[in-house]
Amino acid sequence: MELAVLNFSTNPEGKLEYNTPITNDVLGFLTWERAVETLTKIKELPSNKMED
């Protein structure tokens, strides 16, 4: 399983974000447990969403 942090603030299709506390690249060969742990960390990242 692979995971990456995507940034949708500049591209509606998302682009790989390499500058996060999670990783600086795509994470590969993850176990299910490690994937869930990483997704939790990604969810906790601050949002760049601009409010109307």
N, C-alpha and C. Protein backbone atom coordinates (compact mmCIF):
# COMPACT_ATOMS: atom_id res chain seq x y z
N MET A 1 0.84 -1.16 0.00
CA MET A 1 0.00 0.00 0.00
C MET A 1 0.89 1.23 0.00
N GLU A 2 0.48 2.26 -0.74
CA GLU A 2 1.22 3.51 -0.80
C GLU A 2 0.32 4.66 -0.39
N LEU A 3 0.89 5.66 0.24
CA LEU A 3 0.18 6.88 0.63
C LEU A 3 1.03 8.08 0.31
N ALA A 4 0.34 9.19 0.03
CA ALA A 4 1.02 10.46 -0.19
C ALA A 4 0.13 11.57 0.33
N VAL A 5 0.74 12.68 0.70
CA VAL A 5 -0.02 13.87 1.09
C VAL A 5 -0.26 14.67 -0.18
N LEU A 6 -1.54 14.99 -0.43
CA LEU A 6 -1.90 15.79 -1.59
C LEU A 6 -2.37 17.16 -1.15
N ASN A 7 -2.05 18.17 -1.93
CA ASN A 7 -2.46 19.54 -1.66
C ASN A 7 -3.44 19.95 -2.76
N PHE A 8 -4.65 20.32 -2.36
CA PHE A 8 -5.68 20.71 -3.32
C PHE A 8 -5.87 22.21 -3.38
N SER A 9 -5.06 22.98 -2.65
CA SER A 9 -5.26 24.43 -2.60
C SER A 9 -4.89 25.12 -3.91
N THR A 10 -4.01 24.55 -4.69
CA THR A 10 -3.59 25.19 -5.93
C THR A 10 -4.04 24.42 -7.17
N ASN A 11 -4.51 23.19 -6.98
CA ASN A 11 -4.91 22.36 -8.11
C ASN A 11 -6.09 21.50 -7.65
N PRO A 12 -7.26 21.63 -8.30
CA PRO A 12 -8.43 20.86 -7.87
C PRO A 12 -8.25 19.35 -7.97
N GLU A 13 -7.28 18.90 -8.73
CA GLU A 13 -7.00 17.47 -8.83
C GLU A 13 -5.95 17.03 -7.81
N GLY A 14 -5.39 17.97 -7.09
CA GLY A 14 -4.38 17.68 -6.08
C GLY A 14 -3.00 17.55 -6.69
N LYS A 15 -2.01 17.90 -5.89
CA LYS A 15 -0.61 17.69 -6.30
C LYS A 15 0.13 17.17 -5.09
N LEU A 16 1.14 16.37 -5.34
CA LEU A 16 1.93 15.82 -4.24
C LEU A 16 2.55 16.95 -3.42
N GLU A 17 2.42 16.84 -2.12
CA GLU A 17 3.01 17.82 -1.20
C GLU A 17 4.22 17.17 -0.54
N TYR A 18 5.38 17.74 -0.78
CA TYR A 18 6.63 17.16 -0.28
C TYR A 18 7.13 17.83 0.99
N ASN A 19 6.47 18.88 1.43
CA ASN A 19 6.96 19.64 2.58
C ASN A 19 5.97 19.53 3.74
N THR A 20 5.89 18.37 4.35
CA THR A 20 5.00 18.16 5.50
C THR A 20 5.77 17.44 6.61
N PRO A 21 5.25 17.49 7.82
CA PRO A 21 5.88 16.72 8.90
C PRO A 21 5.64 15.21 8.74
N ILE A 22 4.76 14.82 7.84
CA ILE A 22 4.45 13.41 7.63
C ILE A 22 5.55 12.74 6.81
N THR A 23 5.87 13.32 5.67
CA THR A 23 6.86 12.73 4.77
C THR A 23 7.32 13.76 3.75
N ASN A 24 8.41 13.47 3.08
CA ASN A 24 8.86 14.32 1.98
C ASN A 24 8.77 13.57 0.65
N ASP A 25 8.00 12.46 0.64
CA ASP A 25 7.84 11.66 -0.57
C ASP A 25 6.63 10.73 -0.39
N VAL A 26 6.37 9.91 -1.38
CA VAL A 26 5.33 8.89 -1.28
C VAL A 26 5.81 7.80 -0.32
N LEU A 27 4.93 7.37 0.57
CA LEU A 27 5.27 6.29 1.50
C LEU A 27 4.83 4.97 0.87
N GLY A 28 5.74 4.04 0.72
CA GLY A 28 5.42 2.77 0.08
C GLY A 28 5.58 1.58 1.01
N PHE A 29 5.03 0.46 0.58
CA PHE A 29 5.14 -0.81 1.29
C PHE A 29 4.63 -0.73 2.73
N LEU A 30 3.50 -0.03 2.92
CA LEU A 30 2.94 0.14 4.26
C LEU A 30 2.07 -1.05 4.65
N THR A 31 2.16 -1.42 5.91
CA THR A 31 1.21 -2.39 6.45
C THR A 31 -0.11 -1.65 6.68
N TRP A 32 -1.18 -2.41 6.89
CA TRP A 32 -2.48 -1.79 7.15
C TRP A 32 -2.40 -0.89 8.39
N GLU A 33 -1.76 -1.35 9.44
CA GLU A 33 -1.64 -0.58 10.68
C GLU A 33 -0.88 0.73 10.45
N ARG A 34 0.21 0.65 9.72
CA ARG A 34 1.01 1.85 9.43
C ARG A 34 0.24 2.82 8.54
N ALA A 35 -0.55 2.29 7.61
CA ALA A 35 -1.37 3.14 6.75
C ALA A 35 -2.41 3.91 7.57
N VAL A 36 -3.08 3.22 8.48
CA VAL A 36 -4.08 3.88 9.33
C VAL A 36 -3.42 4.94 10.21
N GLU A 37 -2.27 4.61 10.77
CA GLU A 37 -1.53 5.57 11.59
C GLU A 37 -1.16 6.81 10.79
N THR A 38 -0.69 6.62 9.57
CA THR A 38 -0.29 7.73 8.72
C THR A 38 -1.49 8.55 8.28
N LEU A 39 -2.60 7.90 7.94
CA LEU A 39 -3.81 8.63 7.56
C LEU A 39 -4.31 9.50 8.70
N THR A 40 -4.20 9.01 9.92
CA THR A 40 -4.59 9.80 11.08
C THR A 40 -3.73 11.06 11.20
N LYS A 41 -2.43 10.91 10.98
CA LYS A 41 -1.53 12.06 11.03
C LYS A 41 -1.83 13.05 9.91
N ILE A 42 -2.14 12.54 8.72
CA ILE A 42 -2.48 13.41 7.59
C ILE A 42 -3.75 14.19 7.90
N LYS A 43 -4.74 13.50 8.48
CA LYS A 43 -6.01 14.15 8.82
C LYS A 43 -5.80 15.29 9.81
N GLU A 44 -4.82 15.17 10.67
CA GLU A 44 -4.56 16.18 11.70
C GLU A 44 -3.73 17.37 11.20
N LEU A 45 -3.23 17.31 9.96
CA LEU A 45 -2.48 18.44 9.41
C LEU A 45 -3.40 19.65 9.28
N PRO A 46 -2.87 20.87 9.45
CA PRO A 46 -3.71 22.05 9.27
C PRO A 46 -4.19 22.16 7.83
N SER A 47 -5.39 22.63 7.69
CA SER A 47 -5.99 22.78 6.36
C SER A 47 -5.54 24.08 5.72
N ASN A 48 -5.36 24.05 4.42
CA ASN A 48 -5.08 25.27 3.65
C ASN A 48 -6.35 25.78 2.99
N LYS A 49 -7.47 25.19 3.34
CA LYS A 49 -8.74 25.54 2.71
C LYS A 49 -9.06 27.00 3.01
N MET A 50 -9.42 27.71 1.96
CA MET A 50 -9.79 29.10 2.12
C MET A 50 -11.31 29.19 2.29
N GLU A 51 -11.75 29.79 3.36
CA GLU A 51 -13.18 29.94 3.64
C GLU A 51 -13.73 31.11 2.87
N ASP A 52 -14.98 30.99 2.42
CA ASP A 52 -15.65 32.09 1.72
C ASP A 52 -16.19 33.12 2.69
